[in-house]
Amino acid sequence: RRPAKCYRYCKNKPYIRSRFLRGIPDPKIRFYDIGGKAVPVDQFPTCVHLISGEKEQISSEALEAARVQCNKYMLKTTGSKLSYHIRVRIHAYHVVRINKMLSCAGADRLQTGM
């Protein structure tokens, strides 16, 4: 795979999931709410928002990695799952189309047919 810096910025209009696109894998992120979901809001002392200052495309793998790391840090710091609530408010609707790269001997020539 190419590094994520190759697909950081949106060059064209978004290529979103729709009924016209078939065979697209599901996003990697599964849980959007983590921690104490039933705990009242006034029990938490602070509220933190993570906002990007640039217009860029974020893959679902990056969202899942950020969620896992944030959950691990908060669980280690607070000691209980009822002491925090994490909500991921964005969804990975944009399909990142990755160009295939050949990295074998003779990759400068592509053979089609016989």
PDB file of N, CA and C in Angstrom:
ATOM      1  N   ARG A   1       0.828  -1.196   0.000  1.00  0.00           N
ATOM      2  CA  ARG A   1       0.000   0.000   0.000  1.00  0.00           C
ATOM      3  C   ARG A   1       0.859   1.241   0.000  1.00  0.00           C
ATOM      4  N   ARG A   2       0.333   2.270  -0.597  1.00  0.00           N
ATOM      5  CA  ARG A   2       0.998   3.568  -0.549  1.00  0.00           C
ATOM      6  C   ARG A   2       0.792   4.200   0.812  1.00  0.00           C
ATOM      7  N   PRO A   3       1.704   5.094   1.211  1.00  0.00           N
ATOM      8  CA  PRO A   3       1.495   5.768   2.492  1.00  0.00           C
ATOM      9  C   PRO A   3       0.294   6.717   2.429  1.00  0.00           C
ATOM     10  N   ALA A   4      -0.257   7.030   3.599  1.00  0.00           N
ATOM     11  CA  ALA A   4      -1.471   7.845   3.663  1.00  0.00           C
ATOM     12  C   ALA A   4      -1.244   9.269   3.194  1.00  0.00           C
ATOM     13  N   LYS A   5       0.024   9.737   3.192  1.00  0.00           N
ATOM     14  CA  LYS A   5       0.275  11.117   2.752  1.00  0.00           C
ATOM     15  C   LYS A   5      -0.040  11.306   1.274  1.00  0.00           C
ATOM     16  N   CYS A   6      -0.080  10.211   0.509  1.00  0.00           N
ATOM     17  CA  CYS A   6      -0.427  10.312  -0.909  1.00  0.00           C
ATOM     18  C   CYS A   6      -1.911  10.622  -1.113  1.00  0.00           C
ATOM     19  N   TYR A   7      -2.739  10.290  -0.131  1.00  0.00           N
ATOM     20  CA  TYR A   7      -4.187  10.471  -0.246  1.00  0.00           C
ATOM     21  C   TYR A   7      -4.720  11.402   0.823  1.00  0.00           C
ATOM     22  N   ARG A   8      -3.925  12.363   1.238  1.00  0.00           N
ATOM     23  CA  ARG A   8      -4.316  13.229   2.338  1.00  0.00           C
ATOM     24  C   ARG A   8      -5.344  14.276   1.924  1.00  0.00           C
ATOM     25  N   TYR A   9      -5.146  14.892   0.781  1.00  0.00           N
ATOM     26  CA  TYR A   9      -6.017  15.989   0.372  1.00  0.00           C
ATOM     27  C   TYR A   9      -6.998  15.529  -0.701  1.00  0.00           C
ATOM     28  N   CYS A  10      -8.174  16.143  -0.699  1.00  0.00           N
ATOM     29  CA  CYS A  10      -9.190  15.865  -1.715  1.00  0.00           C
ATOM     30  C   CYS A  10      -8.867  16.692  -2.946  1.00  0.00           C
ATOM     31  N   LYS A  11      -8.607  16.048  -4.059  1.00  0.00           N
ATOM     32  CA  LYS A  11      -8.309  16.777  -5.289  1.00  0.00           C
ATOM     33  C   LYS A  11      -9.565  17.016  -6.109  1.00  0.00           C
ATOM     34  N   ASN A  12     -10.451  16.043  -6.146  1.00  0.00           N
ATOM     35  CA  ASN A  12     -11.679  16.147  -6.923  1.00  0.00           C
ATOM     36  C   ASN A  12     -12.870  16.110  -5.983  1.00  0.00           C
ATOM     37  N   LYS A  13     -14.052  16.034  -6.552  1.00  0.00           N
ATOM     38  CA  LYS A  13     -15.233  15.953  -5.700  1.00  0.00           C
ATOM     39  C   LYS A  13     -15.262  14.605  -4.978  1.00  0.00           C
ATOM     40  N   PRO A  14     -15.913  14.531  -3.826  1.00  0.00           N
ATOM     41  CA  PRO A  14     -15.906  13.294  -3.042  1.00  0.00           C
ATOM     42  C   PRO A  14     -16.558  12.136  -3.797  1.00  0.00           C
ATOM     43  N   TYR A  15     -15.991  10.980  -3.616  1.00  0.00           N
ATOM     44  CA  TYR A  15     -16.463   9.751  -4.240  1.00  0.00           C
ATOM     45  C   TYR A  15     -17.129   8.954  -3.131  1.00  0.00           C
ATOM     46  N   ILE A  16     -18.431   9.197  -2.911  1.00  0.00           N
ATOM     47  CA  ILE A  16     -19.105   8.650  -1.737  1.00  0.00           C
ATOM     48  C   ILE A  16     -19.756   7.315  -2.056  1.00  0.00           C
ATOM     49  N   ARG A  17     -20.103   6.594  -0.999  1.00  0.00           N
ATOM     50  CA  ARG A  17     -20.804   5.322  -1.167  1.00  0.00           C
ATOM     51  C   ARG A  17     -22.219   5.606  -1.662  1.00  0.00           C
ATOM     52  N   SER A  18     -22.647   4.843  -2.608  1.00  0.00           N
ATOM     53  CA  SER A  18     -24.003   4.997  -3.099  1.00  0.00           C
ATOM     54  C   SER A  18     -24.452   3.677  -3.705  1.00  0.00           C
ATOM     55  N   ARG A  19     -25.635   3.678  -4.266  1.00  0.00           N
ATOM     56  CA  ARG A  19     -26.122   2.435  -4.865  1.00  0.00           C
ATOM     57  C   ARG A  19     -25.414   2.129  -6.169  1.00  0.00           C
ATOM     58  N   PHE A  20     -24.666   3.095  -6.723  1.00  0.00           N
ATOM     59  CA  PHE A  20     -23.952   2.865  -7.969  1.00  0.00           C
ATOM     60  C   PHE A  20     -22.613   2.173  -7.747  1.00  0.00           C
ATOM     61  N   LEU A  21     -22.085   2.259  -6.537  1.00  0.00           N
ATOM     62  CA  LEU A  21     -20.796   1.637  -6.233  1.00  0.00           C
ATOM     63  C   LEU A  21     -21.031   0.284  -5.569  1.00  0.00           C
ATOM     64  N   ARG A  22     -20.520  -0.754  -6.187  1.00  0.00           N
ATOM     65  CA  ARG A  22     -20.678  -2.079  -5.613  1.00  0.00           C
ATOM     66  C   ARG A  22     -19.305  -2.654  -5.296  1.00  0.00           C
ATOM     67  N   GLY A  23     -19.245  -3.546  -4.341  1.00  0.00           N
ATOM     68  CA  GLY A  23     -18.000  -4.207  -4.006  1.00  0.00           C
ATOM     69  C   GLY A  23     -17.063  -3.372  -3.158  1.00  0.00           C
ATOM     70  N   ILE A  24     -17.592  -2.399  -2.435  1.00  0.00           N
ATOM     71  CA  ILE A  24     -16.766  -1.565  -1.565  1.00  0.00           C
ATOM     72  C   ILE A  24     -16.757  -2.186  -0.179  1.00  0.00           C
ATOM     73  N   PRO A  25     -15.589  -2.386   0.420  1.00  0.00           N
ATOM     74  CA  PRO A  25     -15.573  -2.966   1.772  1.00  0.00           C
ATOM     75  C   PRO A  25     -16.172  -2.010   2.793  1.00  0.00           C
ATOM     76  N   ASP A  26     -16.700  -2.586   3.866  1.00  0.00           N
ATOM     77  CA  ASP A  26     -17.284  -1.785   4.939  1.00  0.00           C
ATOM     78  C   ASP A  26     -16.191  -1.017   5.671  1.00  0.00           C
ATOM     79  N   PRO A  27     -16.539   0.113   6.302  1.00  0.00           N
ATOM     80  CA  PRO A  27     -15.528   0.848   7.062  1.00  0.00           C
ATOM     81  C   PRO A  27     -15.020   0.023   8.246  1.00  0.00           C
ATOM     82  N   LYS A  28     -13.773   0.263   8.631  1.00  0.00           N
ATOM     83  CA  LYS A  28     -13.146  -0.505   9.702  1.00  0.00           C
ATOM     84  C   LYS A  28     -13.682  -0.121  11.082  1.00  0.00           C
ATOM     85  N   ILE A  29     -14.156   1.094  11.222  1.00  0.00           N
ATOM     86  CA  ILE A  29     -14.641   1.539  12.534  1.00  0.00           C
ATOM     87  C   ILE A  29     -16.033   0.961  12.763  1.00  0.00           C
ATOM     88  N   ARG A  30     -16.220   0.332  13.915  1.00  0.00           N
ATOM     89  CA  ARG A  30     -17.478  -0.341  14.228  1.00  0.00           C
ATOM     90  C   ARG A  30     -18.252   0.367  15.331  1.00  0.00           C
ATOM     91  N   PHE A  31     -17.547   0.855  16.350  1.00  0.00           N
ATOM     92  CA  PHE A  31     -18.209   1.459  17.503  1.00  0.00           C
ATOM     93  C   PHE A  31     -17.976   2.965  17.476  1.00  0.00           C
ATOM     94  N   TYR A  32     -19.063   3.709  17.546  1.00  0.00           N
ATOM     95  CA  TYR A  32     -18.963   5.162  17.528  1.00  0.00           C
ATOM     96  C   TYR A  32     -19.141   5.764  18.921  1.00  0.00           C
ATOM     97  N   ASP A  33     -19.727   5.019  19.850  1.00  0.00           N
ATOM     98  CA  ASP A  33     -19.885   5.454  21.238  1.00  0.00           C
ATOM     99  C   ASP A  33     -19.176   4.460  22.147  1.00  0.00           C
ATOM    100  N   ILE A  34     -18.310   4.974  23.025  1.00  0.00           N
ATOM    101  CA  ILE A  34     -17.535   4.120  23.910  1.00  0.00           C
ATOM    102  C   ILE A  34     -17.576   4.713  25.308  1.00  0.00           C
ATOM    103  N   GLY A  35     -17.488   3.869  26.314  1.00  0.00           N
ATOM    104  CA  GLY A  35     -17.411   4.330  27.697  1.00  0.00           C
ATOM    105  C   GLY A  35     -18.772   4.360  28.355  1.00  0.00           C
ATOM    106  N   GLY A  36     -18.947   5.299  29.284  1.00  0.00           N
ATOM    107  CA  GLY A  36     -20.197   5.408  30.029  1.00  0.00           C
ATOM    108  C   GLY A  36     -21.258   6.131  29.220  1.00  0.00           C
ATOM    109  N   LYS A  37     -22.035   5.383  28.445  1.00  0.00           N
ATOM    110  CA  LYS A  37     -23.052   6.006  27.586  1.00  0.00           C
ATOM    111  C   LYS A  37     -24.298   6.397  28.376  1.00  0.00           C
ATOM    112  N   ALA A  38     -24.595   5.659  29.442  1.00  0.00           N
ATOM    113  CA  ALA A  38     -25.809   5.928  30.216  1.00  0.00           C
ATOM    114  C   ALA A  38     -25.572   6.920  31.356  1.00  0.00           C
ATOM    115  N   VAL A  39     -24.330   7.344  31.547  1.00  0.00           N
ATOM    116  CA  VAL A  39     -24.007   8.272  32.636  1.00  0.00           C
ATOM    117  C   VAL A  39     -24.476   9.673  32.252  1.00  0.00           C
ATOM    118  N   PRO A  40     -25.090  10.423  33.192  1.00  0.00           N
ATOM    119  CA  PRO A  40     -25.523  11.792  32.866  1.00  0.00           C
ATOM    120  C   PRO A  40     -24.340  12.692  32.495  1.00  0.00           C
ATOM    121  N   VAL A  41     -24.621  13.684  31.679  1.00  0.00           N
ATOM    122  CA  VAL A  41     -23.574  14.556  31.150  1.00  0.00           C
ATOM    123  C   VAL A  41     -22.925  15.408  32.237  1.00  0.00           C
ATOM    124  N   ASP A  42     -23.692  15.825  33.235  1.00  0.00           N
ATOM    125  CA  ASP A  42     -23.142  16.718  34.258  1.00  0.00           C
ATOM    126  C   ASP A  42     -22.164  16.019  35.206  1.00  0.00           C
ATOM    127  N   GLN A  43     -22.019  14.712  35.103  1.00  0.00           N
ATOM    128  CA  GLN A  43     -21.061  14.005  35.952  1.00  0.00           C
ATOM    129  C   GLN A  43     -19.628  14.154  35.433  1.00  0.00           C
ATOM    130  N   PHE A  44     -19.459  14.410  34.135  1.00  0.00           N
ATOM    131  CA  PHE A  44     -18.125  14.565  33.559  1.00  0.00           C
ATOM    132  C   PHE A  44     -17.648  16.001  33.749  1.00  0.00           C
ATOM    133  N   PRO A  45     -16.413  16.212  34.237  1.00  0.00           N
ATOM    134  CA  PRO A  45     -15.957  17.584  34.516  1.00  0.00           C
ATOM    135  C   PRO A  45     -15.549  18.378  33.267  1.00  0.00           C
ATOM    136  N   THR A  46     -15.076  17.708  32.212  1.00  0.00           N
ATOM    137  CA  THR A  46     -14.602  18.437  31.033  1.00  0.00           C
ATOM    138  C   THR A  46     -15.168  17.829  29.761  1.00  0.00           C
ATOM    139  N   CYS A  47     -15.051  18.619  28.690  1.00  0.00           N
ATOM    140  CA  CYS A  47     -15.463  18.178  27.359  1.00  0.00           C
ATOM    141  C   CYS A  47     -14.347  18.558  26.392  1.00  0.00           C
ATOM    142  N   VAL A  48     -13.894  17.608  25.593  1.00  0.00           N
ATOM    143  CA  VAL A  48     -12.775  17.828  24.680  1.00  0.00           C
ATOM    144  C   VAL A  48     -13.232  17.509  23.263  1.00  0.00           C
ATOM    145  N   HIS A  49     -12.909  18.398  22.305  1.00  0.00           N
ATOM    146  CA  HIS A  49     -13.217  18.186  20.893  1.00  0.00           C
ATOM    147  C   HIS A  49     -11.912  18.148  20.115  1.00  0.00           C
ATOM    148  N   LEU A  50     -11.783  17.206  19.218  1.00  0.00           N
ATOM    149  CA  LEU A  50     -10.626  17.107  18.334  1.00  0.00           C
ATOM    150  C   LEU A  50     -11.077  17.538  16.939  1.00  0.00           C
ATOM    151  N   ILE A  51     -10.562  18.676  16.468  1.00  0.00           N
ATOM    152  CA  ILE A  51     -11.021  19.276  15.218  1.00  0.00           C
ATOM    153  C   ILE A  51      -9.834  19.464  14.288  1.00  0.00           C
ATOM    154  N   SER A  52     -10.011  19.108  13.032  1.00  0.00           N
ATOM    155  CA  SER A  52      -8.966  19.317  12.036  1.00  0.00           C
ATOM    156  C   SER A  52      -9.110  20.715  11.458  1.00  0.00           C
ATOM    157  N   GLY A  53      -7.996  21.414  11.328  1.00  0.00           N
ATOM    158  CA  GLY A  53      -8.012  22.768  10.793  1.00  0.00           C
ATOM    159  C   GLY A  53      -7.922  22.818   9.278  1.00  0.00           C
ATOM    160  N   GLU A  54      -7.732  21.661   8.638  1.00  0.00           N
ATOM    161  CA  GLU A  54      -7.595  21.604   7.185  1.00  0.00           C
ATOM    162  C   GLU A  54      -8.706  20.753   6.581  1.00  0.00           C
ATOM    163  N   LYS A  55      -8.949  20.973   5.311  1.00  0.00           N
ATOM    164  CA  LYS A  55      -9.892  20.129   4.599  1.00  0.00           C
ATOM    165  C   LYS A  55      -9.102  18.953   4.026  1.00  0.00           C
ATOM    166  N   GLU A  56      -9.293  17.791   4.623  1.00  0.00           N
ATOM    167  CA  GLU A  56      -8.539  16.624   4.201  1.00  0.00           C
ATOM    168  C   GLU A  56      -9.419  15.394   4.332  1.00  0.00           C
ATOM    169  N   GLN A  57      -9.000  14.309   3.715  1.00  0.00           N
ATOM    170  CA  GLN A  57      -9.767  13.074   3.810  1.00  0.00           C
ATOM    171  C   GLN A  57      -9.070  12.125   4.779  1.00  0.00           C
ATOM    172  N   ILE A  58      -9.872  11.555   5.667  1.00  0.00           N
ATOM    173  CA  ILE A  58      -9.363  10.652   6.685  1.00  0.00           C
ATOM    174  C   ILE A  58      -9.953   9.277   6.412  1.00  0.00           C
ATOM    175  N   SER A  59      -9.102   8.265   6.379  1.00  0.00           N
ATOM    176  CA  SER A  59      -9.581   6.916   6.086  1.00  0.00           C
ATOM    177  C   SER A  59     -10.249   6.316   7.319  1.00  0.00           C
ATOM    178  N   SER A  60     -11.036   5.275   7.094  1.00  0.00           N
ATOM    179  CA  SER A  60     -11.711   4.618   8.208  1.00  0.00           C
ATOM    180  C   SER A  60     -10.711   3.891   9.095  1.00  0.00           C
ATOM    181  N   GLU A  61      -9.575   3.477   8.523  1.00  0.00           N
ATOM    182  CA  GLU A  61      -8.527   2.842   9.330  1.00  0.00           C
ATOM    183  C   GLU A  61      -7.934   3.835  10.324  1.00  0.00           C
ATOM    184  N   ALA A  62      -7.753   5.085   9.883  1.00  0.00           N
ATOM    185  CA  ALA A  62      -7.225   6.116  10.767  1.00  0.00           C
ATOM    186  C   ALA A  62      -8.225   6.460  11.873  1.00  0.00           C
ATOM    187  N   LEU A  63      -9.510   6.486  11.547  1.00  0.00           N
ATOM    188  CA  LEU A  63     -10.529   6.742  12.562  1.00  0.00           C
ATOM    189  C   LEU A  63     -10.552   5.631  13.606  1.00  0.00           C
ATOM    190  N   GLU A  64     -10.450   4.385  13.150  1.00  0.00           N
ATOM    191  CA  GLU A  64     -10.452   3.258  14.082  1.00  0.00           C
ATOM    192  C   GLU A  64      -9.204   3.274  14.964  1.00  0.00           C
ATOM    193  N   ALA A  65      -8.043   3.596  14.395  1.00  0.00           N
ATOM    194  CA  ALA A  65      -6.819   3.663  15.182  1.00  0.00           C
ATOM    195  C   ALA A  65      -6.899   4.781  16.226  1.00  0.00           C
ATOM    196  N   ALA A  66      -7.464   5.924  15.855  1.00  0.00           N
ATOM    197  CA  ALA A  66      -7.615   7.026  16.808  1.00  0.00           C
ATOM    198  C   ALA A  66      -8.578   6.654  17.927  1.00  0.00           C
ATOM    199  N   ARG A  67      -9.658   5.968  17.591  1.00  0.00           N
ATOM    200  CA  ARG A  67     -10.636   5.539  18.599  1.00  0.00           C
ATOM    201  C   ARG A  67     -10.016   4.553  19.581  1.00  0.00           C
ATOM    202  N   VAL A  68      -9.259   3.583  19.074  1.00  0.00           N
ATOM    203  CA  VAL A  68      -8.639   2.572  19.937  1.00  0.00           C
ATOM    204  C   VAL A  68      -7.628   3.218  20.885  1.00  0.00           C
ATOM    205  N   GLN A  69      -6.794   4.112  20.352  1.00  0.00           N
ATOM    206  CA  GLN A  69      -5.785   4.762  21.186  1.00  0.00           C
ATOM    207  C   GLN A  69      -6.420   5.667  22.240  1.00  0.00           C
ATOM    208  N   CYS A  70      -7.452   6.399  21.858  1.00  0.00           N
ATOM    209  CA  CYS A  70      -8.126   7.287  22.806  1.00  0.00           C
ATOM    210  C   CYS A  70      -8.800   6.470  23.910  1.00  0.00           C
ATOM    211  N   ASN A  71      -9.430   5.366  23.530  1.00  0.00           N
ATOM    212  CA  ASN A  71     -10.083   4.499  24.508  1.00  0.00           C
ATOM    213  C   ASN A  71      -9.057   3.888  25.465  1.00  0.00           C
ATOM    214  N   LYS A  72      -7.912   3.451  24.936  1.00  0.00           N
ATOM    215  CA  LYS A  72      -6.870   2.842  25.765  1.00  0.00           C
ATOM    216  C   LYS A  72      -6.296   3.865  26.748  1.00  0.00           C
ATOM    217  N   TYR A  73      -6.048   5.086  26.271  1.00  0.00           N
ATOM    218  CA  TYR A  73      -5.496   6.124  27.140  1.00  0.00           C
ATOM    219  C   TYR A  73      -6.480   6.515  28.241  1.00  0.00           C
ATOM    220  N   MET A  74      -7.749   6.695  27.870  1.00  0.00           N
ATOM    221  CA  MET A  74      -8.744   7.101  28.859  1.00  0.00           C
ATOM    222  C   MET A  74      -8.985   6.005  29.893  1.00  0.00           C
ATOM    223  N   LEU A  75      -8.974   4.752  29.463  1.00  0.00           N
ATOM    224  CA  LEU A  75      -9.166   3.645  30.398  1.00  0.00           C
ATOM    225  C   LEU A  75      -7.993   3.534  31.367  1.00  0.00           C
ATOM    226  N   LYS A  76      -6.768   3.771  30.863  1.00  0.00           N
ATOM    227  CA  LYS A  76      -5.596   3.715  31.721  1.00  0.00           C
ATOM    228  C   LYS A  76      -5.566   4.898  32.694  1.00  0.00           C
ATOM    229  N   THR A  77      -5.988   6.066  32.241  1.00  0.00           N
ATOM    230  CA  THR A  77      -5.929   7.271  33.064  1.00  0.00           C
ATOM    231  C   THR A  77      -7.024   7.293  34.132  1.00  0.00           C
ATOM    232  N   THR A  78      -8.255   6.996  33.722  1.00  0.00           N
ATOM    233  CA  THR A  78      -9.372   7.094  34.664  1.00  0.00           C
ATOM    234  C   THR A  78      -9.568   5.823  35.477  1.00  0.00           C
ATOM    235  N   GLY A  79      -9.262   4.667  34.898  1.00  0.00           N
ATOM    236  CA  GLY A  79      -9.387   3.412  35.626  1.00  0.00           C
ATOM    237  C   GLY A  79     -10.735   2.736  35.502  1.00  0.00           C
ATOM    238  N   SER A  80     -11.732   3.402  34.937  1.00  0.00           N
ATOM    239  CA  SER A  80     -13.060   2.808  34.807  1.00  0.00           C
ATOM    240  C   SER A  80     -13.696   3.276  33.510  1.00  0.00           C
ATOM    241  N   LYS A  81     -14.483   2.397  32.902  1.00  0.00           N
ATOM    242  CA  LYS A  81     -15.156   2.778  31.657  1.00  0.00           C
ATOM    243  C   LYS A  81     -16.316   3.734  31.893  1.00  0.00           C
ATOM    244  N   LEU A  82     -16.786   3.807  33.137  1.00  0.00           N
ATOM    245  CA  LEU A  82     -17.901   4.702  33.435  1.00  0.00           C
ATOM    246  C   LEU A  82     -17.441   6.123  33.716  1.00  0.00           C
ATOM    247  N   SER A  83     -16.138   6.374  33.693  1.00  0.00           N
ATOM    248  CA  SER A  83     -15.608   7.699  34.018  1.00  0.00           C
ATOM    249  C   SER A  83     -15.452   8.598  32.800  1.00  0.00           C
ATOM    250  N   TYR A  84     -15.728   8.092  31.609  1.00  0.00           N
ATOM    251  CA  TYR A  84     -15.581   8.903  30.400  1.00  0.00           C
ATOM    252  C   TYR A  84     -16.570   8.421  29.350  1.00  0.00           C
ATOM    253  N   HIS A  85     -16.779   9.245  28.353  1.00  0.00           N
ATOM    254  CA  HIS A  85     -17.634   8.894  27.212  1.00  0.00           C
ATOM    255  C   HIS A  85     -17.003   9.468  25.958  1.00  0.00           C
ATOM    256  N   ILE A  86     -16.732   8.604  24.986  1.00  0.00           N
ATOM    257  CA  ILE A  86     -16.127   9.022  23.717  1.00  0.00           C
ATOM    258  C   ILE A  86     -17.157   8.813  22.622  1.00  0.00           C
ATOM    259  N   ARG A  87     -17.328   9.832  21.796  1.00  0.00           N
ATOM    260  CA  ARG A  87     -18.235   9.720  20.648  1.00  0.00           C
ATOM    261  C   ARG A  87     -17.497  10.175  19.395  1.00  0.00           C
ATOM    262  N   VAL A  88     -17.443   9.302  18.401  1.00  0.00           N
ATOM    263  CA  VAL A  88     -16.877   9.655  17.098  1.00  0.00           C
ATOM    264  C   VAL A  88     -18.035  10.174  16.258  1.00  0.00           C
ATOM    265  N   ARG A  89     -17.957  11.434  15.853  1.00  0.00           N
ATOM    266  CA  ARG A  89     -19.106  12.059  15.190  1.00  0.00           C
ATOM    267  C   ARG A  89     -19.002  12.113  13.672  1.00  0.00           C
ATOM    268  N   ILE A  90     -17.895  11.650  13.113  1.00  0.00           N
ATOM    269  CA  ILE A  90     -17.792  11.648  11.662  1.00  0.00           C
ATOM    270  C   ILE A  90     -17.860  10.212  11.155  1.00  0.00           C
ATOM    271  N   HIS A  91     -18.322  10.055   9.942  1.00  0.00           N
ATOM    272  CA  HIS A  91     -18.434   8.750   9.306  1.00  0.00           C
ATOM    273  C   HIS A  91     -17.583   8.749   8.047  1.00  0.00           C
ATOM    274  N   ALA A  92     -17.067   7.593   7.705  1.00  0.00           N
ATOM    275  CA  ALA A  92     -16.208   7.463   6.526  1.00  0.00           C
ATOM    276  C   ALA A  92     -17.076   7.165   5.301  1.00  0.00           C
ATOM    277  N   TYR A  93     -17.740   8.198   4.787  1.00  0.00           N
ATOM    278  CA  TYR A  93     -18.557   8.027   3.584  1.00  0.00           C
ATOM    279  C   TYR A  93     -17.720   8.074   2.317  1.00  0.00           C
ATOM    280  N   HIS A  94     -16.636   8.815   2.364  1.00  0.00           N
ATOM    281  CA  HIS A  94     -15.815   9.026   1.182  1.00  0.00           C
ATOM    282  C   HIS A  94     -14.975   7.780   0.906  1.00  0.00           C
ATOM    283  N   VAL A  95     -15.054   7.255  -0.314  1.00  0.00           N
ATOM    284  CA  VAL A  95     -14.295   6.070  -0.699  1.00  0.00           C
ATOM    285  C   VAL A  95     -12.950   6.530  -1.234  1.00  0.00           C
ATOM    286  N   VAL A  96     -11.867   6.092  -0.599  1.00  0.00           N
ATOM    287  CA  VAL A  96     -10.524   6.439  -1.047  1.00  0.00           C
ATOM    288  C   VAL A  96     -10.100   5.408  -2.071  1.00  0.00           C
ATOM    289  N   ARG A  97      -9.973   5.844  -3.314  1.00  0.00           N
ATOM    290  CA  ARG A  97      -9.567   4.934  -4.379  1.00  0.00           C
ATOM    291  C   ARG A  97      -8.051   4.939  -4.463  1.00  0.00           C
ATOM    292  N   ILE A  98      -7.457   3.779  -4.244  1.00  0.00           N
ATOM    293  CA  ILE A  98      -6.007   3.658  -4.216  1.00  0.00           C
ATOM    294  C   ILE A  98      -5.546   3.056  -5.534  1.00  0.00           C
ATOM    295  N   ASN A  99      -4.595   3.729  -6.177  1.00  0.00           N
ATOM    296  CA  ASN A  99      -4.049   3.223  -7.427  1.00  0.00           C
ATOM    297  C   ASN A  99      -3.127   2.048  -7.138  1.00  0.00           C
ATOM    298  N   LYS A 100      -3.227   1.005  -7.957  1.00  0.00           N
ATOM    299  CA  LYS A 100      -2.402  -0.182  -7.770  1.00  0.00           C
ATOM    300  C   LYS A 100      -0.959   0.130  -8.158  1.00  0.00           C
ATOM    301  N   MET A 101      -0.035  -0.398  -7.365  1.00  0.00           N
ATOM    302  CA  MET A 101       1.377  -0.234  -7.657  1.00  0.00           C
ATOM    303  C   MET A 101       2.020  -1.611  -7.769  1.00  0.00           C
ATOM    304  N   LEU A 102       2.866  -1.778  -8.758  1.00  0.00           N
ATOM    305  CA  LEU A 102       3.594  -3.031  -8.915  1.00  0.00           C
ATOM    306  C   LEU A 102       4.998  -2.844  -8.367  1.00  0.00           C
ATOM    307  N   SER A 103       5.438  -3.781  -7.562  1.00  0.00           N
ATOM    308  CA  SER A 103       6.759  -3.650  -6.956  1.00  0.00           C
ATOM    309  C   SER A 103       7.553  -4.948  -7.110  1.00  0.00           C
ATOM    310  N   CYS A 104       7.506  -5.516  -8.291  1.00  0.00           N
ATOM    311  CA  CYS A 104       8.253  -6.737  -8.529  1.00  0.00           C
ATOM    312  C   CYS A 104       9.210  -6.506  -9.701  1.00  0.00           C
ATOM    313  N   ALA A 105      10.018  -7.510 -10.004  1.00  0.00           N
ATOM    314  CA  ALA A 105      10.948  -7.385 -11.114  1.00  0.00           C
ATOM    315  C   ALA A 105      10.173  -7.287 -12.419  1.00  0.00           C
ATOM    316  N   GLY A 106      10.553  -6.367 -13.248  1.00  0.00           N
ATOM    317  CA  GLY A 106       9.851  -6.162 -14.521  1.00  0.00           C
ATOM    318  C   GLY A 106       8.541  -5.428 -14.356  1.00  0.00           C
ATOM    319  N   ALA A 107       8.427  -4.606 -13.314  1.00  0.00           N
ATOM    320  CA  ALA A 107       7.172  -3.910 -13.042  1.00  0.00           C
ATOM    321  C   ALA A 107       6.934  -2.762 -14.007  1.00  0.00           C
ATOM    322  N   ASP A 108       7.926  -2.411 -14.816  1.00  0.00           N
ATOM    323  CA  ASP A 108       7.729  -1.329 -15.768  1.00  0.00           C
ATOM    324  C   ASP A 108       6.938  -1.806 -16.985  1.00  0.00           C
ATOM    325  N   ARG A 109       6.771  -3.120 -17.133  1.00  0.00           N
ATOM    326  CA  ARG A 109       5.991  -3.660 -18.264  1.00  0.00           C
ATOM    327  C   ARG A 109       4.809  -4.435 -17.702  1.00  0.00           C
ATOM    328  N   LEU A 110       3.655  -4.136 -18.203  1.00  0.00           N
ATOM    329  CA  LEU A 110       2.449  -4.862 -17.820  1.00  0.00           C
ATOM    330  C   LEU A 110       2.033  -5.752 -18.988  1.00  0.00           C
ATOM    331  N   GLN A 111       1.717  -6.986 -18.717  1.00  0.00           N
ATOM    332  CA  GLN A 111       1.338  -7.915 -19.771  1.00  0.00           C
ATOM    333  C   GLN A 111      -0.173  -8.096 -19.725  1.00  0.00           C
ATOM    334  N   THR A 112      -0.797  -7.947 -20.870  1.00  0.00           N
ATOM    335  CA  THR A 112      -2.231  -8.193 -20.960  1.00  0.00           C
ATOM    336  C   THR A 112      -2.444  -9.253 -22.037  1.00  0.00           C
ATOM    337  N   GLY A 113      -3.341 -10.170 -21.760  1.00  0.00           N
ATOM    338  CA  GLY A 113      -3.608 -11.232 -22.740  1.00  0.00           C
ATOM    339  C   GLY A 113      -2.551 -12.309 -22.700  1.00  0.00           C
ATOM    340  N   MET A 114      -2.337 -12.930 -23.856  1.00  0.00           N
ATOM    341  CA  MET A 114      -1.375 -14.038 -23.934  1.00  0.00           C
ATOM    342  C   MET A 114       0.036 -13.542 -24.195  1.00  0.00           C
TER     343      MET A 114
END
